[in-house]
Amino acid sequence: MPQGYGEGENMNAIIKTGAKQYNVELDSEIYVEKLEGEAGDKVIFDEVLMIDGKIGTPFVPEAKVEGEIIKQGKGKKLVIYKYKEKKDSKTKKGHRQRYTKVKITNIVV
């Protein structure tokens, strides 16, 4: 039976989501690429690369990290400006990356 870690235990885990890796602890809040769901929904990350020094190949078997979606949002606006000197060509575009803020509630081995 999988065992979760309770309060007072300082557990670290490295998870993979959205083609990026995140180092998480219990009760930490992270910003990840947009996930489906509304605020208050539960989310499970089952691609766990490492838990407290135990390294997976590539993932730790039967390990998962549980979290709760706090909010959905958009990041700051990035301005992309292209200019070609002697061609009388210029382009200005903007982009706002969507993100999901997640609070880590449980780490299960």
N, C-alpha and C. Protein backbone atom coordinates (compact mmCIF):
# COMPACT_ATOMS: atom_id res chain seq x y z
N MET A 1 0.84 -1.19 0.00
CA MET A 1 0.00 0.00 0.00
C MET A 1 0.88 1.24 0.00
N PRO A 2 0.62 2.21 -0.88
CA PRO A 2 1.43 3.41 -0.91
C PRO A 2 1.28 4.21 0.37
N GLN A 3 2.38 4.81 0.77
CA GLN A 3 2.36 5.59 2.00
C GLN A 3 2.61 7.05 1.67
N GLY A 4 1.76 7.92 2.19
CA GLY A 4 1.94 9.35 2.01
C GLY A 4 2.74 9.92 3.16
N TYR A 5 3.36 11.04 2.93
CA TYR A 5 4.14 11.68 3.96
C TYR A 5 3.33 12.78 4.59
N GLY A 6 3.31 12.81 5.91
CA GLY A 6 2.49 13.76 6.63
C GLY A 6 3.23 15.04 6.93
N GLU A 7 2.63 15.81 7.80
CA GLU A 7 3.20 17.09 8.20
C GLU A 7 4.49 16.86 8.98
N GLY A 8 5.41 17.82 8.89
CA GLY A 8 6.64 17.76 9.66
C GLY A 8 7.77 17.03 8.95
N GLU A 9 7.47 16.28 7.92
CA GLU A 9 8.51 15.58 7.19
C GLU A 9 8.87 16.40 5.96
N ASN A 10 10.14 16.69 5.79
CA ASN A 10 10.61 17.52 4.68
C ASN A 10 10.97 16.63 3.51
N MET A 11 10.03 16.45 2.60
CA MET A 11 10.22 15.58 1.44
C MET A 11 10.46 16.43 0.20
N ASN A 12 11.42 16.00 -0.60
CA ASN A 12 11.68 16.64 -1.89
C ASN A 12 11.35 15.65 -2.99
N ALA A 13 10.88 16.16 -4.09
CA ALA A 13 10.62 15.33 -5.27
C ALA A 13 10.89 16.18 -6.50
N ILE A 14 11.29 15.52 -7.56
CA ILE A 14 11.45 16.19 -8.86
C ILE A 14 10.43 15.56 -9.79
N ILE A 15 9.53 16.41 -10.31
CA ILE A 15 8.47 15.93 -11.19
C ILE A 15 8.66 16.51 -12.59
N LYS A 16 8.03 15.87 -13.56
CA LYS A 16 8.08 16.34 -14.94
C LYS A 16 6.67 16.63 -15.40
N THR A 17 6.45 17.85 -15.91
CA THR A 17 5.18 18.21 -16.49
C THR A 17 5.41 19.32 -17.50
N GLY A 18 4.72 19.25 -18.62
CA GLY A 18 4.86 20.27 -19.65
C GLY A 18 6.26 20.34 -20.23
N ALA A 19 6.96 19.21 -20.34
CA ALA A 19 8.32 19.12 -20.87
C ALA A 19 9.34 19.88 -20.02
N LYS A 20 8.99 20.16 -18.77
CA LYS A 20 9.91 20.82 -17.84
C LYS A 20 9.96 20.02 -16.54
N GLN A 21 11.02 20.22 -15.76
CA GLN A 21 11.18 19.53 -14.49
C GLN A 21 11.10 20.54 -13.36
N TYR A 22 10.44 20.15 -12.28
CA TYR A 22 10.24 21.03 -11.13
C TYR A 22 10.66 20.32 -9.86
N ASN A 23 11.40 21.03 -8.99
CA ASN A 23 11.76 20.52 -7.68
C ASN A 23 10.69 20.99 -6.70
N VAL A 24 9.96 20.05 -6.08
CA VAL A 24 8.83 20.42 -5.23
C VAL A 24 9.01 19.86 -3.83
N GLU A 25 8.37 20.50 -2.87
CA GLU A 25 8.30 20.06 -1.49
C GLU A 25 6.83 20.08 -1.08
N LEU A 26 6.54 19.48 0.05
CA LEU A 26 5.19 19.49 0.58
C LEU A 26 4.77 20.93 0.89
N ASP A 27 3.57 21.31 0.52
CA ASP A 27 3.00 22.65 0.73
C ASP A 27 3.66 23.75 -0.10
N SER A 28 4.48 23.41 -1.09
CA SER A 28 5.05 24.45 -1.94
C SER A 28 4.08 24.77 -3.06
N GLU A 29 4.20 25.97 -3.61
CA GLU A 29 3.36 26.41 -4.72
C GLU A 29 4.24 26.62 -5.94
N ILE A 30 3.83 26.04 -7.06
CA ILE A 30 4.62 26.14 -8.29
C ILE A 30 3.74 26.65 -9.42
N TYR A 31 4.38 27.27 -10.40
CA TYR A 31 3.72 27.72 -11.62
C TYR A 31 4.14 26.77 -12.74
N VAL A 32 3.18 26.10 -13.36
CA VAL A 32 3.46 25.16 -14.45
C VAL A 32 2.71 25.62 -15.69
N GLU A 33 3.06 25.01 -16.84
CA GLU A 33 2.31 25.32 -18.04
C GLU A 33 0.86 24.90 -17.86
N LYS A 34 -0.04 25.53 -18.59
CA LYS A 34 -1.48 25.38 -18.38
C LYS A 34 -1.92 23.92 -18.33
N LEU A 35 -2.66 23.59 -17.27
CA LEU A 35 -3.28 22.27 -17.10
C LEU A 35 -4.79 22.44 -17.20
N GLU A 36 -5.48 21.38 -17.61
CA GLU A 36 -6.93 21.41 -17.67
C GLU A 36 -7.49 21.37 -16.25
N GLY A 37 -8.53 22.14 -15.98
CA GLY A 37 -9.19 22.12 -14.68
C GLY A 37 -9.45 23.52 -14.18
N GLU A 38 -10.28 23.58 -13.14
CA GLU A 38 -10.65 24.84 -12.52
C GLU A 38 -9.98 24.94 -11.15
N ALA A 39 -10.06 26.11 -10.54
CA ALA A 39 -9.51 26.31 -9.20
C ALA A 39 -10.22 25.37 -8.22
N GLY A 40 -9.43 24.70 -7.39
CA GLY A 40 -9.97 23.75 -6.42
C GLY A 40 -9.91 22.30 -6.88
N ASP A 41 -9.67 22.07 -8.17
CA ASP A 41 -9.57 20.70 -8.68
C ASP A 41 -8.26 20.06 -8.23
N LYS A 42 -8.30 18.73 -8.07
CA LYS A 42 -7.11 17.97 -7.72
C LYS A 42 -6.37 17.59 -9.00
N VAL A 43 -5.05 17.51 -8.90
CA VAL A 43 -4.23 17.12 -10.03
C VAL A 43 -3.16 16.14 -9.52
N ILE A 44 -2.82 15.14 -10.34
CA ILE A 44 -1.84 14.13 -9.95
C ILE A 44 -0.72 14.12 -10.98
N PHE A 45 0.52 14.25 -10.49
CA PHE A 45 1.70 14.15 -11.33
C PHE A 45 2.30 12.78 -11.10
N ASP A 46 2.23 11.90 -12.12
CA ASP A 46 2.75 10.54 -11.94
C ASP A 46 4.12 10.34 -12.58
N GLU A 47 4.65 11.36 -13.24
CA GLU A 47 6.00 11.28 -13.80
C GLU A 47 6.98 11.86 -12.77
N VAL A 48 7.34 11.04 -11.78
CA VAL A 48 8.23 11.46 -10.70
C VAL A 48 9.63 10.94 -11.02
N LEU A 49 10.58 11.85 -11.18
CA LEU A 49 11.94 11.48 -11.54
C LEU A 49 12.79 11.10 -10.33
N MET A 50 12.53 11.74 -9.17
CA MET A 50 13.31 11.46 -7.98
C MET A 50 12.52 11.83 -6.72
N ILE A 51 12.66 11.00 -5.69
CA ILE A 51 12.09 11.31 -4.38
C ILE A 51 13.17 11.06 -3.35
N ASP A 52 13.55 12.09 -2.61
CA ASP A 52 14.55 12.01 -1.53
C ASP A 52 15.78 11.19 -1.89
N GLY A 53 16.36 11.45 -3.03
CA GLY A 53 17.58 10.78 -3.43
C GLY A 53 17.38 9.47 -4.16
N LYS A 54 16.16 8.94 -4.17
CA LYS A 54 15.87 7.71 -4.92
C LYS A 54 15.57 8.11 -6.36
N ILE A 55 16.48 7.73 -7.26
CA ILE A 55 16.37 8.13 -8.65
C ILE A 55 15.69 7.04 -9.45
N GLY A 56 14.73 7.43 -10.29
CA GLY A 56 14.02 6.48 -11.12
C GLY A 56 14.73 6.26 -12.45
N THR A 57 14.30 5.21 -13.16
CA THR A 57 14.88 4.92 -14.47
C THR A 57 13.78 4.70 -15.49
N PRO A 58 13.18 5.67 -16.13
CA PRO A 58 13.34 7.10 -15.93
C PRO A 58 12.47 7.64 -14.79
N PHE A 59 11.40 6.89 -14.40
CA PHE A 59 10.53 7.37 -13.34
C PHE A 59 10.56 6.42 -12.15
N VAL A 60 10.29 6.95 -10.96
CA VAL A 60 10.22 6.12 -9.76
C VAL A 60 8.91 5.34 -9.81
N PRO A 61 8.96 3.99 -9.73
CA PRO A 61 7.73 3.20 -9.85
C PRO A 61 6.77 3.44 -8.68
N GLU A 62 5.48 3.51 -8.98
CA GLU A 62 4.40 3.68 -8.00
C GLU A 62 4.54 4.93 -7.15
N ALA A 63 5.20 5.95 -7.67
CA ALA A 63 5.31 7.21 -6.95
C ALA A 63 4.46 8.25 -7.66
N LYS A 64 3.86 9.13 -6.87
CA LYS A 64 3.08 10.22 -7.45
C LYS A 64 3.08 11.41 -6.51
N VAL A 65 2.84 12.56 -7.10
CA VAL A 65 2.75 13.80 -6.34
C VAL A 65 1.36 14.37 -6.60
N GLU A 66 0.65 14.67 -5.51
CA GLU A 66 -0.71 15.20 -5.62
C GLU A 66 -0.69 16.69 -5.35
N GLY A 67 -1.55 17.40 -6.06
CA GLY A 67 -1.63 18.84 -5.88
C GLY A 67 -3.04 19.34 -6.08
N GLU A 68 -3.22 20.62 -5.80
CA GLU A 68 -4.52 21.27 -5.96
C GLU A 68 -4.32 22.55 -6.77
N ILE A 69 -5.16 22.75 -7.76
CA ILE A 69 -5.07 23.95 -8.60
C ILE A 69 -5.55 25.15 -7.78
N ILE A 70 -4.71 26.16 -7.69
CA ILE A 70 -5.08 27.39 -6.98
C ILE A 70 -5.71 28.39 -7.94
N LYS A 71 -5.06 28.59 -9.10
CA LYS A 71 -5.63 29.52 -10.08
C LYS A 71 -5.06 29.27 -11.46
N GLN A 72 -5.78 29.74 -12.46
CA GLN A 72 -5.33 29.75 -13.84
C GLN A 72 -5.04 31.21 -14.19
N GLY A 73 -4.05 31.46 -15.01
CA GLY A 73 -3.75 32.85 -15.33
C GLY A 73 -2.87 32.99 -16.55
N LYS A 74 -2.50 34.24 -16.82
CA LYS A 74 -1.59 34.57 -17.91
C LYS A 74 -0.40 35.32 -17.33
N GLY A 75 0.78 35.08 -17.90
CA GLY A 75 1.99 35.75 -17.46
C GLY A 75 2.09 37.16 -18.00
N LYS A 76 3.22 37.80 -17.72
CA LYS A 76 3.45 39.14 -18.23
C LYS A 76 3.57 39.12 -19.74
N LYS A 77 3.27 40.24 -20.37
CA LYS A 77 3.34 40.32 -21.82
C LYS A 77 4.79 40.45 -22.28
N LEU A 78 5.15 39.61 -23.24
CA LEU A 78 6.45 39.70 -23.87
C LEU A 78 6.27 40.33 -25.24
N VAL A 79 7.12 41.28 -25.58
CA VAL A 79 7.05 41.95 -26.87
C VAL A 79 8.17 41.41 -27.74
N ILE A 80 7.80 40.91 -28.91
CA ILE A 80 8.76 40.40 -29.87
C ILE A 80 8.83 41.41 -31.00
N TYR A 81 9.98 42.00 -31.21
CA TYR A 81 10.15 43.02 -32.23
C TYR A 81 11.24 42.58 -33.19
N LYS A 82 10.89 42.48 -34.48
CA LYS A 82 11.85 42.10 -35.51
C LYS A 82 12.06 43.30 -36.43
N TYR A 83 13.30 43.53 -36.78
CA TYR A 83 13.62 44.66 -37.63
C TYR A 83 14.73 44.26 -38.59
N LYS A 84 14.51 44.46 -39.87
CA LYS A 84 15.55 44.19 -40.87
C LYS A 84 16.00 45.54 -41.42
N GLU A 85 17.28 45.78 -41.26
CA GLU A 85 17.84 47.10 -41.43
C GLU A 85 17.58 47.75 -42.79
N LYS A 86 17.98 47.13 -43.84
CA LYS A 86 17.92 47.79 -45.16
C LYS A 86 16.73 47.33 -45.98
N LYS A 87 15.80 46.62 -45.39
CA LYS A 87 14.68 46.05 -46.13
C LYS A 87 13.36 46.77 -45.86
N ASP A 88 13.38 47.80 -45.01
CA ASP A 88 12.16 48.51 -44.62
C ASP A 88 11.11 47.53 -44.10
N SER A 89 11.56 46.63 -43.22
CA SER A 89 10.69 45.59 -42.68
C SER A 89 10.78 45.59 -41.17
N LYS A 90 9.63 45.67 -40.53
CA LYS A 90 9.60 45.59 -39.07
C LYS A 90 8.31 44.91 -38.64
N THR A 91 8.38 44.14 -37.58
CA THR A 91 7.23 43.39 -37.07
C THR A 91 7.22 43.49 -35.56
N LYS A 92 6.06 43.76 -35.00
CA LYS A 92 5.92 43.82 -33.55
C LYS A 92 4.79 42.88 -33.14
N LYS A 93 5.09 41.92 -32.28
CA LYS A 93 4.10 40.97 -31.80
C LYS A 93 4.18 40.89 -30.29
N GLY A 94 3.08 40.49 -29.67
CA GLY A 94 3.05 40.29 -28.23
C GLY A 94 2.61 38.88 -27.90
N HIS A 95 3.00 38.40 -26.72
CA HIS A 95 2.64 37.05 -26.30
C HIS A 95 2.49 37.01 -24.79
N ARG A 96 1.44 36.34 -24.31
CA ARG A 96 1.26 36.11 -22.87
C ARG A 96 1.09 34.61 -22.66
N GLN A 97 2.03 33.99 -21.94
CA GLN A 97 2.00 32.55 -21.70
C GLN A 97 0.98 32.23 -20.62
N ARG A 98 0.15 31.23 -20.88
CA ARG A 98 -0.83 30.79 -19.88
C ARG A 98 -0.15 29.87 -18.88
N TYR A 99 -0.57 29.96 -17.60
CA TYR A 99 0.02 29.13 -16.57
C TYR A 99 -1.05 28.64 -15.60
N THR A 100 -0.68 27.67 -14.78
CA THR A 100 -1.52 27.15 -13.72
C THR A 100 -0.70 27.17 -12.43
N LYS A 101 -1.25 27.74 -11.38
CA LYS A 101 -0.59 27.75 -10.07
C LYS A 101 -1.11 26.56 -9.28
N VAL A 102 -0.18 25.70 -8.82
CA VAL A 102 -0.54 24.46 -8.14
C VAL A 102 0.12 24.42 -6.78
N LYS A 103 -0.65 24.00 -5.76
CA LYS A 103 -0.11 23.78 -4.41
C LYS A 103 0.06 22.29 -4.21
N ILE A 104 1.25 21.86 -3.80
CA ILE A 104 1.56 20.44 -3.59
C ILE A 104 0.97 20.04 -2.25
N THR A 105 0.07 19.02 -2.26
CA THR A 105 -0.61 18.60 -1.04
C THR A 105 -0.10 17.29 -0.48
N ASN A 106 0.47 16.41 -1.32
CA ASN A 106 0.90 15.10 -0.83
C ASN A 106 1.95 14.52 -1.77
N ILE A 107 2.92 13.81 -1.18
CA ILE A 107 3.92 13.08 -1.94
C ILE A 107 3.79 11.61 -1.55
N VAL A 108 3.49 10.75 -2.51
CA VAL A 108 3.22 9.33 -2.22
C VAL A 108 4.28 8.47 -2.85
N VAL A 109 4.82 7.53 -2.05
CA VAL A 109 5.82 6.57 -2.54
C VAL A 109 5.17 5.21 -2.61
